[in-house]
Amino acid sequence: MGILTWIIFGLIAGAIAKAIHPGNDPGGWIVTIIIGIVGSFLGGAIGTYVLGWGDVDSFWSPKSWLLAIGGSILLLFLYRMVTKK
């Protein structure tokens, strides 16, 4: 995927993750893109190394979306655990 595709993918995945896991989350749309992209990498690593799903790199693949959204939700959960008072 190209860089523009990663940005769009990250924005959509991060927005869906924020909608599924509502609460006091950081930032606006730029942070949402970053959360989505980092969550995609995290979800892809889990899918590849833990679940053994192999390399999933298609934009339209349901596995890509599930892993990206799941990784973003995990990232938001970890953020809340670290910043919890």
PDB file of N, CA and C in Angstrom:
ATOM      1  N   MET A   1       0.835  -1.177   0.000  1.00  0.00           N
ATOM      2  CA  MET A   1       0.000   0.000   0.000  1.00  0.00           C
ATOM      3  C   MET A   1       0.878   1.239   0.000  1.00  0.00           C
ATOM      4  N   GLY A   2       0.405   2.276  -0.660  1.00  0.00           N
ATOM      5  CA  GLY A   2       1.123   3.532  -0.695  1.00  0.00           C
ATOM      6  C   GLY A   2       0.870   4.342   0.573  1.00  0.00           C
ATOM      7  N   ILE A   3       1.602   5.431   0.722  1.00  0.00           N
ATOM      8  CA  ILE A   3       1.507   6.247   1.932  1.00  0.00           C
ATOM      9  C   ILE A   3       0.123   6.869   2.074  1.00  0.00           C
ATOM     10  N   LEU A   4      -0.475   7.302   0.968  1.00  0.00           N
ATOM     11  CA  LEU A   4      -1.812   7.882   1.030  1.00  0.00           C
ATOM     12  C   LEU A   4      -2.843   6.842   1.461  1.00  0.00           C
ATOM     13  N   THR A   5      -2.672   5.622   0.998  1.00  0.00           N
ATOM     14  CA  THR A   5      -3.569   4.544   1.401  1.00  0.00           C
ATOM     15  C   THR A   5      -3.422   4.241   2.883  1.00  0.00           C
ATOM     16  N   TRP A   6      -2.193   4.269   3.399  1.00  0.00           N
ATOM     17  CA  TRP A   6      -1.975   4.047   4.832  1.00  0.00           C
ATOM     18  C   TRP A   6      -2.650   5.134   5.661  1.00  0.00           C
ATOM     19  N   ILE A   7      -2.596   6.386   5.182  1.00  0.00           N
ATOM     20  CA  ILE A   7      -3.218   7.491   5.910  1.00  0.00           C
ATOM     21  C   ILE A   7      -4.733   7.328   5.929  1.00  0.00           C
ATOM     22  N   ILE A   8      -5.325   7.011   4.784  1.00  0.00           N
ATOM     23  CA  ILE A   8      -6.776   6.804   4.723  1.00  0.00           C
ATOM     24  C   ILE A   8      -7.177   5.601   5.566  1.00  0.00           C
ATOM     25  N   PHE A   9      -6.433   4.515   5.434  1.00  0.00           N
ATOM     26  CA  PHE A   9      -6.692   3.297   6.208  1.00  0.00           C
ATOM     27  C   PHE A   9      -6.596   3.589   7.695  1.00  0.00           C
ATOM     28  N   GLY A  10      -5.564   4.333   8.108  1.00  0.00           N
ATOM     29  CA  GLY A  10      -5.383   4.683   9.511  1.00  0.00           C
ATOM     30  C   GLY A  10      -6.485   5.574  10.036  1.00  0.00           C
ATOM     31  N   LEU A  11      -6.938   6.535   9.226  1.00  0.00           N
ATOM     32  CA  LEU A  11      -8.016   7.423   9.644  1.00  0.00           C
ATOM     33  C   LEU A  11      -9.304   6.646   9.867  1.00  0.00           C
ATOM     34  N   ILE A  12      -9.645   5.771   8.934  1.00  0.00           N
ATOM     35  CA  ILE A  12     -10.880   4.997   9.059  1.00  0.00           C
ATOM     36  C   ILE A  12     -10.793   4.013  10.226  1.00  0.00           C
ATOM     37  N   ALA A  13      -9.695   3.279  10.313  1.00  0.00           N
ATOM     38  CA  ALA A  13      -9.538   2.302  11.396  1.00  0.00           C
ATOM     39  C   ALA A  13      -9.503   2.986  12.758  1.00  0.00           C
ATOM     40  N   GLY A  14      -8.807   4.108  12.862  1.00  0.00           N
ATOM     41  CA  GLY A  14      -8.748   4.844  14.128  1.00  0.00           C
ATOM     42  C   GLY A  14     -10.099   5.417  14.523  1.00  0.00           C
ATOM     43  N   ALA A  15     -10.858   5.923  13.554  1.00  0.00           N
ATOM     44  CA  ALA A  15     -12.188   6.472  13.846  1.00  0.00           C
ATOM     45  C   ALA A  15     -13.145   5.377  14.298  1.00  0.00           C
ATOM     46  N   ILE A  16     -13.092   4.215  13.647  1.00  0.00           N
ATOM     47  CA  ILE A  16     -13.940   3.094  14.062  1.00  0.00           C
ATOM     48  C   ILE A  16     -13.549   2.619  15.458  1.00  0.00           C
ATOM     49  N   ALA A  17     -12.250   2.546  15.728  1.00  0.00           N
ATOM     50  CA  ALA A  17     -11.792   2.118  17.049  1.00  0.00           C
ATOM     51  C   ALA A  17     -12.237   3.102  18.130  1.00  0.00           C
ATOM     52  N   LYS A  18     -12.168   4.412  17.839  1.00  0.00           N
ATOM     53  CA  LYS A  18     -12.616   5.403  18.814  1.00  0.00           C
ATOM     54  C   LYS A  18     -14.121   5.320  19.029  1.00  0.00           C
ATOM     55  N   ALA A  19     -14.881   4.965  17.986  1.00  0.00           N
ATOM     56  CA  ALA A  19     -16.333   4.828  18.129  1.00  0.00           C
ATOM     57  C   ALA A  19     -16.692   3.587  18.946  1.00  0.00           C
ATOM     58  N   ILE A  20     -15.941   2.503  18.747  1.00  0.00           N
ATOM     59  CA  ILE A  20     -16.199   1.263  19.480  1.00  0.00           C
ATOM     60  C   ILE A  20     -15.746   1.391  20.935  1.00  0.00           C
ATOM     61  N   HIS A  21     -14.653   2.089  21.166  1.00  0.00           N
ATOM     62  CA  HIS A  21     -14.047   2.218  22.500  1.00  0.00           C
ATOM     63  C   HIS A  21     -14.115   3.685  22.930  1.00  0.00           C
ATOM     64  N   PRO A  22     -15.342   4.203  23.214  1.00  0.00           N
ATOM     65  CA  PRO A  22     -15.472   5.634  23.523  1.00  0.00           C
ATOM     66  C   PRO A  22     -14.898   5.983  24.888  1.00  0.00           C
ATOM     67  N   GLY A  23     -14.641   7.245  25.052  1.00  0.00           N
ATOM     68  CA  GLY A  23     -14.113   7.725  26.326  1.00  0.00           C
ATOM     69  C   GLY A  23     -13.179   8.892  26.114  1.00  0.00           C
ATOM     70  N   ASN A  24     -12.376   9.177  27.090  1.00  0.00           N
ATOM     71  CA  ASN A  24     -11.446  10.290  27.052  1.00  0.00           C
ATOM     72  C   ASN A  24     -10.174   9.862  26.316  1.00  0.00           C
ATOM     73  N   ASP A  25     -10.179  10.075  25.006  1.00  0.00           N
ATOM     74  CA  ASP A  25      -9.043   9.690  24.169  1.00  0.00           C
ATOM     75  C   ASP A  25      -8.302  10.924  23.686  1.00  0.00           C
ATOM     76  N   PRO A  26      -7.048  10.753  23.304  1.00  0.00           N
ATOM     77  CA  PRO A  26      -6.242  11.903  22.912  1.00  0.00           C
ATOM     78  C   PRO A  26      -6.599  12.437  21.536  1.00  0.00           C
ATOM     79  N   GLY A  27      -6.429  13.734  21.361  1.00  0.00           N
ATOM     80  CA  GLY A  27      -6.345  14.398  20.098  1.00  0.00           C
ATOM     81  C   GLY A  27      -7.516  14.423  19.142  1.00  0.00           C
ATOM     82  N   GLY A  28      -7.230  15.032  17.998  1.00  0.00           N
ATOM     83  CA  GLY A  28      -8.191  15.179  16.925  1.00  0.00           C
ATOM     84  C   GLY A  28      -7.941  14.186  15.810  1.00  0.00           C
ATOM     85  N   TRP A  29      -8.138  14.641  14.583  1.00  0.00           N
ATOM     86  CA  TRP A  29      -8.066  13.723  13.443  1.00  0.00           C
ATOM     87  C   TRP A  29      -6.650  13.272  13.135  1.00  0.00           C
ATOM     88  N   ILE A  30      -5.648  14.091  13.403  1.00  0.00           N
ATOM     89  CA  ILE A  30      -4.264  13.669  13.142  1.00  0.00           C
ATOM     90  C   ILE A  30      -3.863  12.559  14.116  1.00  0.00           C
ATOM     91  N   VAL A  31      -4.241  12.701  15.375  1.00  0.00           N
ATOM     92  CA  VAL A  31      -3.949  11.661  16.355  1.00  0.00           C
ATOM     93  C   VAL A  31      -4.744  10.397  16.030  1.00  0.00           C
ATOM     94  N   THR A  32      -5.967  10.561  15.512  1.00  0.00           N
ATOM     95  CA  THR A  32      -6.766   9.407  15.101  1.00  0.00           C
ATOM     96  C   THR A  32      -6.074   8.641  13.978  1.00  0.00           C
ATOM     97  N   ILE A  33      -5.489   9.357  13.021  1.00  0.00           N
ATOM     98  CA  ILE A  33      -4.733   8.714  11.939  1.00  0.00           C
ATOM     99  C   ILE A  33      -3.537   7.963  12.507  1.00  0.00           C
ATOM    100  N   ILE A  34      -2.809   8.597  13.420  1.00  0.00           N
ATOM    101  CA  ILE A  34      -1.634   7.956  14.015  1.00  0.00           C
ATOM    102  C   ILE A  34      -2.038   6.718  14.798  1.00  0.00           C
ATOM    103  N   ILE A  35      -3.122   6.822  15.580  1.00  0.00           N
ATOM    104  CA  ILE A  35      -3.617   5.664  16.327  1.00  0.00           C
ATOM    105  C   ILE A  35      -3.992   4.540  15.364  1.00  0.00           C
ATOM    106  N   GLY A  36      -4.653   4.884  14.273  1.00  0.00           N
ATOM    107  CA  GLY A  36      -5.048   3.871  13.291  1.00  0.00           C
ATOM    108  C   GLY A  36      -3.864   3.204  12.617  1.00  0.00           C
ATOM    109  N   ILE A  37      -2.851   3.990  12.246  1.00  0.00           N
ATOM    110  CA  ILE A  37      -1.678   3.424  11.572  1.00  0.00           C
ATOM    111  C   ILE A  37      -0.874   2.551  12.538  1.00  0.00           C
ATOM    112  N   VAL A  38      -0.623   3.048  13.744  1.00  0.00           N
ATOM    113  CA  VAL A  38       0.123   2.258  14.726  1.00  0.00           C
ATOM    114  C   VAL A  38      -0.682   1.024  15.123  1.00  0.00           C
ATOM    115  N   GLY A  39      -2.001   1.191  15.257  1.00  0.00           N
ATOM    116  CA  GLY A  39      -2.866   0.055  15.546  1.00  0.00           C
ATOM    117  C   GLY A  39      -2.865  -0.972  14.435  1.00  0.00           C
ATOM    118  N   SER A  40      -2.753  -0.509  13.192  1.00  0.00           N
ATOM    119  CA  SER A  40      -2.658  -1.433  12.050  1.00  0.00           C
ATOM    120  C   SER A  40      -1.383  -2.258  12.120  1.00  0.00           C
ATOM    121  N   PHE A  41      -0.283  -1.588  12.436  1.00  0.00           N
ATOM    122  CA  PHE A  41       0.975  -2.326  12.584  1.00  0.00           C
ATOM    123  C   PHE A  41       0.899  -3.318  13.738  1.00  0.00           C
ATOM    124  N   LEU A  42       0.319  -2.888  14.850  1.00  0.00           N
ATOM    125  CA  LEU A  42       0.178  -3.761  16.014  1.00  0.00           C
ATOM    126  C   LEU A  42      -0.727  -4.946  15.696  1.00  0.00           C
ATOM    127  N   GLY A  43      -1.871  -4.684  15.071  1.00  0.00           N
ATOM    128  CA  GLY A  43      -2.776  -5.759  14.690  1.00  0.00           C
ATOM    129  C   GLY A  43      -2.171  -6.689  13.660  1.00  0.00           C
ATOM    130  N   GLY A  44      -1.425  -6.130  12.704  1.00  0.00           N
ATOM    131  CA  GLY A  44      -0.751  -6.963  11.707  1.00  0.00           C
ATOM    132  C   GLY A  44       0.307  -7.860  12.322  1.00  0.00           C
ATOM    133  N   ALA A  45       1.031  -7.329  13.311  1.00  0.00           N
ATOM    134  CA  ALA A  45       2.035  -8.143  14.000  1.00  0.00           C
ATOM    135  C   ALA A  45       1.367  -9.276  14.777  1.00  0.00           C
ATOM    136  N   ILE A  46       0.260  -8.971  15.437  1.00  0.00           N
ATOM    137  CA  ILE A  46      -0.467 -10.013  16.163  1.00  0.00           C
ATOM    138  C   ILE A  46      -0.998 -11.061  15.196  1.00  0.00           C
ATOM    139  N   GLY A  47      -1.565 -10.612  14.074  1.00  0.00           N
ATOM    140  CA  GLY A  47      -2.093 -11.550  13.082  1.00  0.00           C
ATOM    141  C   GLY A  47      -1.021 -12.425  12.462  1.00  0.00           C
ATOM    142  N   THR A  48       0.141 -11.844  12.205  1.00  0.00           N
ATOM    143  CA  THR A  48       1.214 -12.593  11.563  1.00  0.00           C
ATOM    144  C   THR A  48       1.931 -13.522  12.527  1.00  0.00           C
ATOM    145  N   TYR A  49       2.349 -12.991  13.677  1.00  0.00           N
ATOM    146  CA  TYR A  49       3.210 -13.759  14.572  1.00  0.00           C
ATOM    147  C   TYR A  49       2.460 -14.590  15.605  1.00  0.00           C
ATOM    148  N   VAL A  50       1.283 -14.153  16.018  1.00  0.00           N
ATOM    149  CA  VAL A  50       0.541 -14.885  17.039  1.00  0.00           C
ATOM    150  C   VAL A  50      -0.493 -15.814  16.405  1.00  0.00           C
ATOM    151  N   LEU A  51      -1.286 -15.265  15.477  1.00  0.00           N
ATOM    152  CA  LEU A  51      -2.353 -16.054  14.860  1.00  0.00           C
ATOM    153  C   LEU A  51      -1.890 -16.855  13.646  1.00  0.00           C
ATOM    154  N   GLY A  52      -0.743 -16.490  13.076  1.00  0.00           N
ATOM    155  CA  GLY A  52      -0.201 -17.206  11.928  1.00  0.00           C
ATOM    156  C   GLY A  52      -1.001 -17.011  10.647  1.00  0.00           C
ATOM    157  N   TRP A  53      -1.621 -15.840  10.491  1.00  0.00           N
ATOM    158  CA  TRP A  53      -2.428 -15.567   9.302  1.00  0.00           C
ATOM    159  C   TRP A  53      -1.596 -15.183   8.099  1.00  0.00           C
ATOM    160  N   GLY A  54      -0.315 -15.009   8.244  1.00  0.00           N
ATOM    161  CA  GLY A  54       0.546 -14.636   7.128  1.00  0.00           C
ATOM    162  C   GLY A  54       0.449 -13.150   6.833  1.00  0.00           C
ATOM    163  N   ASP A  55       1.019 -12.757   5.723  1.00  0.00           N
ATOM    164  CA  ASP A  55       1.064 -11.348   5.343  1.00  0.00           C
ATOM    165  C   ASP A  55      -0.274 -10.935   4.738  1.00  0.00           C
ATOM    166  N   VAL A  56      -0.955 -10.017   5.383  1.00  0.00           N
ATOM    167  CA  VAL A  56      -2.236  -9.499   4.900  1.00  0.00           C
ATOM    168  C   VAL A  56      -1.997  -8.047   4.519  1.00  0.00           C
ATOM    169  N   ASP A  57      -1.987  -7.733   3.226  1.00  0.00           N
ATOM    170  CA  ASP A  57      -1.696  -6.355   2.840  1.00  0.00           C
ATOM    171  C   ASP A  57      -2.698  -5.769   1.860  1.00  0.00           C
ATOM    172  N   SER A  58      -3.843  -6.388   1.677  1.00  0.00           N
ATOM    173  CA  SER A  58      -4.850  -5.862   0.781  1.00  0.00           C
ATOM    174  C   SER A  58      -5.740  -4.869   1.519  1.00  0.00           C
ATOM    175  N   PHE A  59      -6.009  -3.739   0.892  1.00  0.00           N
ATOM    176  CA  PHE A  59      -6.850  -2.711   1.502  1.00  0.00           C
ATOM    177  C   PHE A  59      -8.265  -3.219   1.744  1.00  0.00           C
ATOM    178  N   TRP A  60      -8.762  -4.066   0.879  1.00  0.00           N
ATOM    179  CA  TRP A  60     -10.142  -4.537   0.960  1.00  0.00           C
ATOM    180  C   TRP A  60     -10.288  -5.848   1.717  1.00  0.00           C
ATOM    181  N   SER A  61      -9.231  -6.397   2.221  1.00  0.00           N
ATOM    182  CA  SER A  61      -9.300  -7.658   2.941  1.00  0.00           C
ATOM    183  C   SER A  61      -9.982  -7.468   4.304  1.00  0.00           C
ATOM    184  N   PRO A  62     -11.002  -8.285   4.606  1.00  0.00           N
ATOM    185  CA  PRO A  62     -11.642  -8.176   5.924  1.00  0.00           C
ATOM    186  C   PRO A  62     -10.665  -8.443   7.075  1.00  0.00           C
ATOM    187  N   LYS A  63      -9.684  -9.327   6.850  1.00  0.00           N
ATOM    188  CA  LYS A  63      -8.674  -9.580   7.888  1.00  0.00           C
ATOM    189  C   LYS A  63      -7.871  -8.325   8.187  1.00  0.00           C
ATOM    190  N   SER A  64      -7.533  -7.562   7.150  1.00  0.00           N
ATOM    191  CA  SER A  64      -6.782  -6.319   7.355  1.00  0.00           C
ATOM    192  C   SER A  64      -7.569  -5.352   8.224  1.00  0.00           C
ATOM    193  N   TRP A  65      -8.841  -5.202   7.940  1.00  0.00           N
ATOM    194  CA  TRP A  65      -9.669  -4.282   8.714  1.00  0.00           C
ATOM    195  C   TRP A  65      -9.856  -4.761  10.140  1.00  0.00           C
ATOM    196  N   LEU A  66     -10.112  -6.045  10.326  1.00  0.00           N
ATOM    197  CA  LEU A  66     -10.285  -6.575  11.683  1.00  0.00           C
ATOM    198  C   LEU A  66      -9.018  -6.407  12.506  1.00  0.00           C
ATOM    199  N   LEU A  67      -7.881  -6.706  11.909  1.00  0.00           N
ATOM    200  CA  LEU A  67      -6.618  -6.563  12.628  1.00  0.00           C
ATOM    201  C   LEU A  67      -6.301  -5.109  12.936  1.00  0.00           C
ATOM    202  N   ALA A  68      -6.568  -4.214  11.976  1.00  0.00           N
ATOM    203  CA  ALA A  68      -6.283  -2.793  12.188  1.00  0.00           C
ATOM    204  C   ALA A  68      -7.176  -2.203  13.274  1.00  0.00           C
ATOM    205  N   ILE A  69      -8.455  -2.517  13.217  1.00  0.00           N
ATOM    206  CA  ILE A  69      -9.379  -1.996  14.228  1.00  0.00           C
ATOM    207  C   ILE A  69      -9.084  -2.613  15.587  1.00  0.00           C
ATOM    208  N   GLY A  70      -8.826  -3.914  15.619  1.00  0.00           N
ATOM    209  CA  GLY A  70      -8.473  -4.572  16.880  1.00  0.00           C
ATOM    210  C   GLY A  70      -7.191  -4.028  17.473  1.00  0.00           C
ATOM    211  N   GLY A  71      -6.186  -3.793  16.636  1.00  0.00           N
ATOM    212  CA  GLY A  71      -4.933  -3.212  17.123  1.00  0.00           C
ATOM    213  C   GLY A  71      -5.119  -1.795  17.632  1.00  0.00           C
ATOM    214  N   SER A  72      -5.986  -1.022  16.978  1.00  0.00           N
ATOM    215  CA  SER A  72      -6.256   0.349  17.420  1.00  0.00           C
ATOM    216  C   SER A  72      -7.001   0.363  18.746  1.00  0.00           C
ATOM    217  N   ILE A  73      -7.954  -0.560  18.905  1.00  0.00           N
ATOM    218  CA  ILE A  73      -8.668  -0.652  20.179  1.00  0.00           C
ATOM    219  C   ILE A  73      -7.706  -1.047  21.295  1.00  0.00           C
ATOM    220  N   LEU A  74      -6.824  -1.995  21.015  1.00  0.00           N
ATOM    221  CA  LEU A  74      -5.816  -2.402  21.999  1.00  0.00           C
ATOM    222  C   LEU A  74      -4.907  -1.234  22.361  1.00  0.00           C
ATOM    223  N   LEU A  75      -4.524  -0.447  21.360  1.00  0.00           N
ATOM    224  CA  LEU A  75      -3.678   0.715  21.605  1.00  0.00           C
ATOM    225  C   LEU A  75      -4.397   1.748  22.477  1.00  0.00           C
ATOM    226  N   LEU A  76      -5.687   1.997  22.210  1.00  0.00           N
ATOM    227  CA  LEU A  76      -6.456   2.921  23.049  1.00  0.00           C
ATOM    228  C   LEU A  76      -6.593   2.394  24.477  1.00  0.00           C
ATOM    229  N   PHE A  77      -6.800   1.085  24.611  1.00  0.00           N
ATOM    230  CA  PHE A  77      -6.885   0.472  25.935  1.00  0.00           C
ATOM    231  C   PHE A  77      -5.575   0.647  26.699  1.00  0.00           C
ATOM    232  N   LEU A  78      -4.457   0.386  26.033  1.00  0.00           N
ATOM    233  CA  LEU A  78      -3.154   0.546  26.676  1.00  0.00           C
ATOM    234  C   LEU A  78      -2.897   2.005  27.053  1.00  0.00           C
ATOM    235  N   TYR A  79      -3.319   2.925  26.189  1.00  0.00           N
ATOM    236  CA  TYR A  79      -3.166   4.362  26.492  1.00  0.00           C
ATOM    237  C   TYR A  79      -3.914   4.723  27.776  1.00  0.00           C
ATOM    238  N   ARG A  80      -5.150   4.209  27.889  1.00  0.00           N
ATOM    239  CA  ARG A  80      -5.937   4.512  29.092  1.00  0.00           C
ATOM    240  C   ARG A  80      -5.319   3.894  30.334  1.00  0.00           C
ATOM    241  N   MET A  81      -4.741   2.707  30.199  1.00  0.00           N
ATOM    242  CA  MET A  81      -4.117   2.061  31.353  1.00  0.00           C
ATOM    243  C   MET A  81      -2.896   2.844  31.815  1.00  0.00           C
ATOM    244  N   VAL A  82      -2.127   3.394  30.876  1.00  0.00           N
ATOM    245  CA  VAL A  82      -0.919   4.135  31.220  1.00  0.00           C
ATOM    246  C   VAL A  82      -1.267   5.495  31.839  1.00  0.00           C
ATOM    247  N   THR A  83      -2.311   6.157  31.318  1.00  0.00           N
ATOM    248  CA  THR A  83      -2.645   7.493  31.797  1.00  0.00           C
ATOM    249  C   THR A  83      -3.696   7.504  32.895  1.00  0.00           C
ATOM    250  N   LYS A  84      -4.091   6.336  33.368  1.00  0.00           N
ATOM    251  CA  LYS A  84      -5.099   6.219  34.415  1.00  0.00           C
ATOM    252  C   LYS A  84      -4.584   6.809  35.723  1.00  0.00           C
ATOM    253  N   LYS A  85      -5.440   7.565  36.392  1.00  0.00           N
ATOM    254  CA  LYS A  85      -5.019   8.190  37.658  1.00  0.00           C
ATOM    255  C   LYS A  85      -5.760   7.588  38.811  1.00  0.00           C
TER     256      LYS A  85
END
